[in-house]
């Protein structure tokens, strides 16, 4: 019984999936929190790209 418990504690095969899910949850939360700021930033960047592309 102890041997099985030690193997269970040492088994790390599911940790990668849990970490990926937590990272995705944090990223989605950040996007939702800063949605308006991100939208204005992307809009500003695309405006600069479109105005400065005529110079090239």
PDB file of N, CA and C in Angstrom:
ATOM      1  N   UNK A   1       0.821  -1.201   0.000  1.00  0.00           N
ATOM      2  CA  UNK A   1       0.000   0.000   0.000  1.00  0.00           C
ATOM      3  C   UNK A   1       0.859   1.257   0.000  1.00  0.00           C
ATOM      4  N   UNK A   2       1.921   1.267   0.778  1.00  0.00           N
ATOM      5  CA  UNK A   2       2.810   2.438   0.804  1.00  0.00           C
ATOM      6  C   UNK A   2       3.458   2.675  -0.544  1.00  0.00           C
ATOM      7  N   UNK A   3       3.807   1.612  -1.226  1.00  0.00           N
ATOM      8  CA  UNK A   3       4.454   1.747  -2.528  1.00  0.00           C
ATOM      9  C   UNK A   3       3.508   2.427  -3.522  1.00  0.00           C
ATOM     10  N   UNK A   4       2.253   2.047  -3.496  1.00  0.00           N
ATOM     11  CA  UNK A   4       1.286   2.665  -4.402  1.00  0.00           C
ATOM     12  C   UNK A   4       1.083   4.138  -4.062  1.00  0.00           C
ATOM     13  N   UNK A   5       1.052   4.465  -2.785  1.00  0.00           N
ATOM     14  CA  UNK A   5       0.875   5.853  -2.366  1.00  0.00           C
ATOM     15  C   UNK A   5       2.051   6.707  -2.818  1.00  0.00           C
ATOM     16  N   UNK A   6       3.271   6.172  -2.670  1.00  0.00           N
ATOM     17  CA  UNK A   6       4.457   6.907  -3.101  1.00  0.00           C
ATOM     18  C   UNK A   6       4.440   7.133  -4.616  1.00  0.00           C
ATOM     19  N   UNK A   7       4.008   6.127  -5.365  1.00  0.00           N
ATOM     20  CA  UNK A   7       3.920   6.279  -6.821  1.00  0.00           C
ATOM     21  C   UNK A   7       2.879   7.331  -7.197  1.00  0.00           C
ATOM     22  N   UNK A   8       1.767   7.340  -6.464  1.00  0.00           N
ATOM     23  CA  UNK A   8       0.716   8.320  -6.733  1.00  0.00           C
ATOM     24  C   UNK A   8       1.206   9.739  -6.455  1.00  0.00           C
ATOM     25  N   UNK A   9       1.939   9.920  -5.370  1.00  0.00           N
ATOM     26  CA  UNK A   9       2.439  11.244  -5.012  1.00  0.00           C
ATOM     27  C   UNK A   9       3.488  11.707  -6.015  1.00  0.00           C
ATOM     28  N   UNK A  10       4.300  10.805  -6.505  1.00  0.00           N
ATOM     29  CA  UNK A  10       5.367  11.167  -7.450  1.00  0.00           C
ATOM     30  C   UNK A  10       4.853  11.363  -8.875  1.00  0.00           C
ATOM     31  N   UNK A  11       3.682  10.838  -9.189  1.00  0.00           N
ATOM     32  CA  UNK A  11       3.142  10.933 -10.542  1.00  0.00           C
ATOM     33  C   UNK A  11       2.766  12.374 -10.842  1.00  0.00           C
ATOM     34  N   UNK A  12       3.346  12.941 -11.907  1.00  0.00           N
ATOM     35  CA  UNK A  12       3.110  14.336 -12.272  1.00  0.00           C
ATOM     36  C   UNK A  12       2.534  14.464 -13.681  1.00  0.00           C
ATOM     37  N   UNK A  13       1.903  13.440 -14.173  1.00  0.00           N
ATOM     38  CA  UNK A  13       1.436  13.466 -15.561  1.00  0.00           C
ATOM     39  C   UNK A  13       0.290  14.442 -15.794  1.00  0.00           C
ATOM     40  N   UNK A  14      -0.528  14.716 -14.786  1.00  0.00           N
ATOM     41  CA  UNK A  14      -1.659  15.612 -14.975  1.00  0.00           C
ATOM     42  C   UNK A  14      -1.361  17.067 -14.664  1.00  0.00           C
ATOM     43  N   UNK A  15      -0.199  17.364 -14.190  1.00  0.00           N
ATOM     44  CA  UNK A  15       0.113  18.726 -13.777  1.00  0.00           C
ATOM     45  C   UNK A  15       0.177  19.666 -14.981  1.00  0.00           C
ATOM     46  N   UNK A  16       0.659  19.223 -16.100  1.00  0.00           N
ATOM     47  CA  UNK A  16       0.762  20.071 -17.277  1.00  0.00           C
ATOM     48  C   UNK A  16      -0.591  20.578 -17.748  1.00  0.00           C
ATOM     49  N   UNK A  17      -1.593  19.720 -17.728  1.00  0.00           N
ATOM     50  CA  UNK A  17      -2.928  20.106 -18.166  1.00  0.00           C
ATOM     51  C   UNK A  17      -3.513  21.137 -17.204  1.00  0.00           C
ATOM     52  N   UNK A  18      -3.345  20.905 -15.912  1.00  0.00           N
ATOM     53  CA  UNK A  18      -3.878  21.831 -14.917  1.00  0.00           C
ATOM     54  C   UNK A  18      -3.196  23.187 -15.050  1.00  0.00           C
ATOM     55  N   UNK A  19      -1.915  23.193 -15.248  1.00  0.00           N
ATOM     56  CA  UNK A  19      -1.190  24.452 -15.415  1.00  0.00           C
ATOM     57  C   UNK A  19      -1.676  25.206 -16.638  1.00  0.00           C
ATOM     58  N   UNK A  20      -1.884  24.502 -17.750  1.00  0.00           N
ATOM     59  CA  UNK A  20      -2.358  25.160 -18.964  1.00  0.00           C
ATOM     60  C   UNK A  20      -3.750  25.756 -18.756  1.00  0.00           C
ATOM     61  N   UNK A  21      -4.618  25.044 -18.075  1.00  0.00           N
ATOM     62  CA  UNK A  21      -5.967  25.555 -17.820  1.00  0.00           C
ATOM     63  C   UNK A  21      -5.898  26.803 -16.944  1.00  0.00           C
ATOM     64  N   UNK A  22      -5.063  26.787 -15.917  1.00  0.00           N
ATOM     65  CA  UNK A  22      -4.938  27.958 -15.047  1.00  0.00           C
ATOM     66  C   UNK A  22      -4.376  29.163 -15.795  1.00  0.00           C
ATOM     67  N   UNK A  23      -3.406  28.933 -16.654  1.00  0.00           N
ATOM     68  CA  UNK A  23      -2.842  30.026 -17.453  1.00  0.00           C
ATOM     69  C   UNK A  23      -3.899  30.617 -18.378  1.00  0.00           C
ATOM     70  N   UNK A  24      -4.690  29.760 -19.013  1.00  0.00           N
ATOM     71  CA  UNK A  24      -5.747  30.252 -19.893  1.00  0.00           C
ATOM     72  C   UNK A  24      -6.794  31.046 -19.124  1.00  0.00           C
ATOM     73  N   UNK A  25      -7.147  30.580 -17.933  1.00  0.00           N
ATOM     74  CA  UNK A  25      -8.130  31.299 -17.119  1.00  0.00           C
ATOM     75  C   UNK A  25      -7.609  32.686 -16.747  1.00  0.00           C
ATOM     76  N   UNK A  26      -6.340  32.764 -16.363  1.00  0.00           N
ATOM     77  CA  UNK A  26      -5.754  34.059 -16.001  1.00  0.00           C
ATOM     78  C   UNK A  26      -5.711  34.986 -17.214  1.00  0.00           C
ATOM     79  N   UNK A  27      -5.322  34.476 -18.367  1.00  0.00           N
ATOM     80  CA  UNK A  27      -5.266  35.306 -19.577  1.00  0.00           C
ATOM     81  C   UNK A  27      -6.644  35.819 -19.974  1.00  0.00           C
ATOM     82  N   UNK A  28      -7.645  34.943 -19.904  1.00  0.00           N
ATOM     83  CA  UNK A  28      -9.001  35.363 -20.249  1.00  0.00           C
ATOM     84  C   UNK A  28      -9.492  36.418 -19.270  1.00  0.00           C
ATOM     85  N   UNK A  29      -9.195  36.243 -17.986  1.00  0.00           N
ATOM     86  CA  UNK A  29      -9.606  37.232 -16.982  1.00  0.00           C
ATOM     87  C   UNK A  29      -8.936  38.582 -17.250  1.00  0.00           C
ATOM     88  N   UNK A  30      -7.657  38.574 -17.601  1.00  0.00           N
ATOM     89  CA  UNK A  30      -6.957  39.818 -17.899  1.00  0.00           C
ATOM     90  C   UNK A  30      -7.545  40.515 -19.122  1.00  0.00           C
ATOM     91  N   UNK A  31      -7.882  39.745 -20.122  1.00  0.00           N
ATOM     92  CA  UNK A  31      -8.485  40.335 -21.324  1.00  0.00           C
ATOM     93  C   UNK A  31      -9.841  40.948 -20.983  1.00  0.00           C
ATOM     94  N   UNK A  32     -10.625  40.264 -20.173  1.00  0.00           N
ATOM     95  CA  UNK A  32     -11.928  40.809 -19.803  1.00  0.00           C
ATOM     96  C   UNK A  32     -11.798  42.063 -18.945  1.00  0.00           C
ATOM     97  N   UNK A  33     -10.813  42.091 -18.065  1.00  0.00           N
ATOM     98  CA  UNK A  33     -10.631  43.248 -17.194  1.00  0.00           C
ATOM     99  C   UNK A  33     -10.165  44.464 -17.997  1.00  0.00           C
ATOM    100  N   UNK A  34      -9.218  44.252 -18.901  1.00  0.00           N
ATOM    101  CA  UNK A  34      -8.622  45.360 -19.647  1.00  0.00           C
ATOM    102  C   UNK A  34      -9.121  45.434 -21.091  1.00  0.00           C
ATOM    103  N   UNK A  35     -10.348  45.024 -21.329  1.00  0.00           N
ATOM    104  CA  UNK A  35     -10.881  44.963 -22.688  1.00  0.00           C
ATOM    105  C   UNK A  35     -10.896  46.330 -23.366  1.00  0.00           C
ATOM    106  N   UNK A  36     -11.375  47.342 -22.686  1.00  0.00           N
ATOM    107  CA  UNK A  36     -11.472  48.664 -23.324  1.00  0.00           C
ATOM    108  C   UNK A  36     -10.089  49.245 -23.599  1.00  0.00           C
ATOM    109  N   UNK A  37      -9.156  49.061 -22.683  1.00  0.00           N
ATOM    110  CA  UNK A  37      -7.804  49.566 -22.900  1.00  0.00           C
ATOM    111  C   UNK A  37      -7.130  48.840 -24.067  1.00  0.00           C
ATOM    112  N   UNK A  38      -7.328  47.530 -24.145  1.00  0.00           N
ATOM    113  CA  UNK A  38      -6.734  46.766 -25.246  1.00  0.00           C
ATOM    114  C   UNK A  38      -7.340  47.167 -26.584  1.00  0.00           C
ATOM    115  N   UNK A  39      -8.645  47.406 -26.598  1.00  0.00           N
ATOM    116  CA  UNK A  39      -9.308  47.804 -27.836  1.00  0.00           C
ATOM    117  C   UNK A  39      -8.785  49.147 -28.328  1.00  0.00           C
ATOM    118  N   UNK A  40      -8.633  50.091 -27.422  1.00  0.00           N
ATOM    119  CA  UNK A  40      -8.128  51.401 -27.841  1.00  0.00           C
ATOM    120  C   UNK A  40      -6.664  51.318 -28.262  1.00  0.00           C
ATOM    121  N   UNK A  41      -5.875  50.506 -27.595  1.00  0.00           N
ATOM    122  CA  UNK A  41      -4.469  50.343 -27.965  1.00  0.00           C
ATOM    123  C   UNK A  41      -4.334  49.739 -29.355  1.00  0.00           C
ATOM    124  N   UNK A  42      -5.098  48.690 -29.629  1.00  0.00           N
ATOM    125  CA  UNK A  42      -5.031  48.056 -30.953  1.00  0.00           C
ATOM    126  C   UNK A  42      -5.532  49.021 -32.025  1.00  0.00           C
ATOM    127  N   UNK A  43      -6.570  49.772 -31.714  1.00  0.00           N
ATOM    128  CA  UNK A  43      -7.070  50.764 -32.674  1.00  0.00           C
ATOM    129  C   UNK A  43      -6.030  51.819 -32.986  1.00  0.00           C
ATOM    130  N   UNK A  44      -5.336  52.295 -31.968  1.00  0.00           N
ATOM    131  CA  UNK A  44      -4.282  53.291 -32.162  1.00  0.00           C
ATOM    132  C   UNK A  44      -3.142  52.729 -33.012  1.00  0.00           C
ATOM    133  N   UNK A  45      -2.761  51.514 -32.741  1.00  0.00           N
ATOM    134  CA  UNK A  45      -1.675  50.878 -33.500  1.00  0.00           C
ATOM    135  C   UNK A  45      -2.055  50.743 -34.965  1.00  0.00           C
ATOM    136  N   UNK A  46      -3.291  50.290 -35.249  1.00  0.00           N
ATOM    137  CA  UNK A  46      -3.712  50.138 -36.635  1.00  0.00           C
ATOM    138  C   UNK A  46      -3.853  51.489 -37.339  1.00  0.00           C
ATOM    139  N   UNK A  47      -4.262  52.505 -36.612  1.00  0.00           N
ATOM    140  CA  UNK A  47      -4.317  53.846 -37.212  1.00  0.00           C
ATOM    141  C   UNK A  47      -2.923  54.326 -37.610  1.00  0.00           C
ATOM    142  N   UNK A  48      -1.940  54.117 -36.729  1.00  0.00           N
ATOM    143  CA  UNK A  48      -0.566  54.505 -37.062  1.00  0.00           C
ATOM    144  C   UNK A  48      -0.043  53.724 -38.255  1.00  0.00           C
ATOM    145  N   UNK A  49      -0.352  52.445 -38.301  1.00  0.00           N
ATOM    146  CA  UNK A  49       0.108  51.612 -39.419  1.00  0.00           C
ATOM    147  C   UNK A  49      -0.494  52.115 -40.729  1.00  0.00           C
ATOM    148  N   UNK A  50      -1.788  52.410 -40.696  1.00  0.00           N
ATOM    149  CA  UNK A  50      -2.436  52.833 -41.952  1.00  0.00           C
ATOM    150  C   UNK A  50      -1.965  54.214 -42.391  1.00  0.00           C
ATOM    151  N   UNK A  51      -1.700  55.133 -41.460  1.00  0.00           N
ATOM    152  CA  UNK A  51      -1.252  56.459 -41.861  1.00  0.00           C
ATOM    153  C   UNK A  51       0.216  56.445 -42.298  1.00  0.00           C
ATOM    154  N   UNK A  52       1.029  55.662 -41.670  1.00  0.00           N
ATOM    155  CA  UNK A  52       2.446  55.633 -42.007  1.00  0.00           C
ATOM    156  C   UNK A  52       2.756  54.716 -43.183  1.00  0.00           C
ATOM    157  N   UNK A  53       1.826  53.860 -43.564  1.00  0.00           N
ATOM    158  CA  UNK A  53       2.081  52.987 -44.718  1.00  0.00           C
ATOM    159  C   UNK A  53       2.071  53.792 -46.020  1.00  0.00           C
ATOM    160  N   UNK A  54       1.387  54.926 -46.029  1.00  0.00           N
ATOM    161  CA  UNK A  54       1.368  55.754 -47.228  1.00  0.00           C
ATOM    162  C   UNK A  54       2.717  56.414 -47.492  1.00  0.00           C
ATOM    163  N   UNK A  55       3.530  56.562 -46.479  1.00  0.00           N
ATOM    164  CA  UNK A  55       4.845  57.186 -46.643  1.00  0.00           C
ATOM    165  C   UNK A  55       5.843  56.272 -47.324  1.00  0.00           C
ATOM    166  N   UNK A  56       5.608  54.993 -47.256  1.00  0.00           N
ATOM    167  CA  UNK A  56       6.586  54.027 -47.797  1.00  0.00           C
ATOM    168  C   UNK A  56       6.476  53.892 -49.258  1.00  0.00           C
TER     169      UNK A  56
END
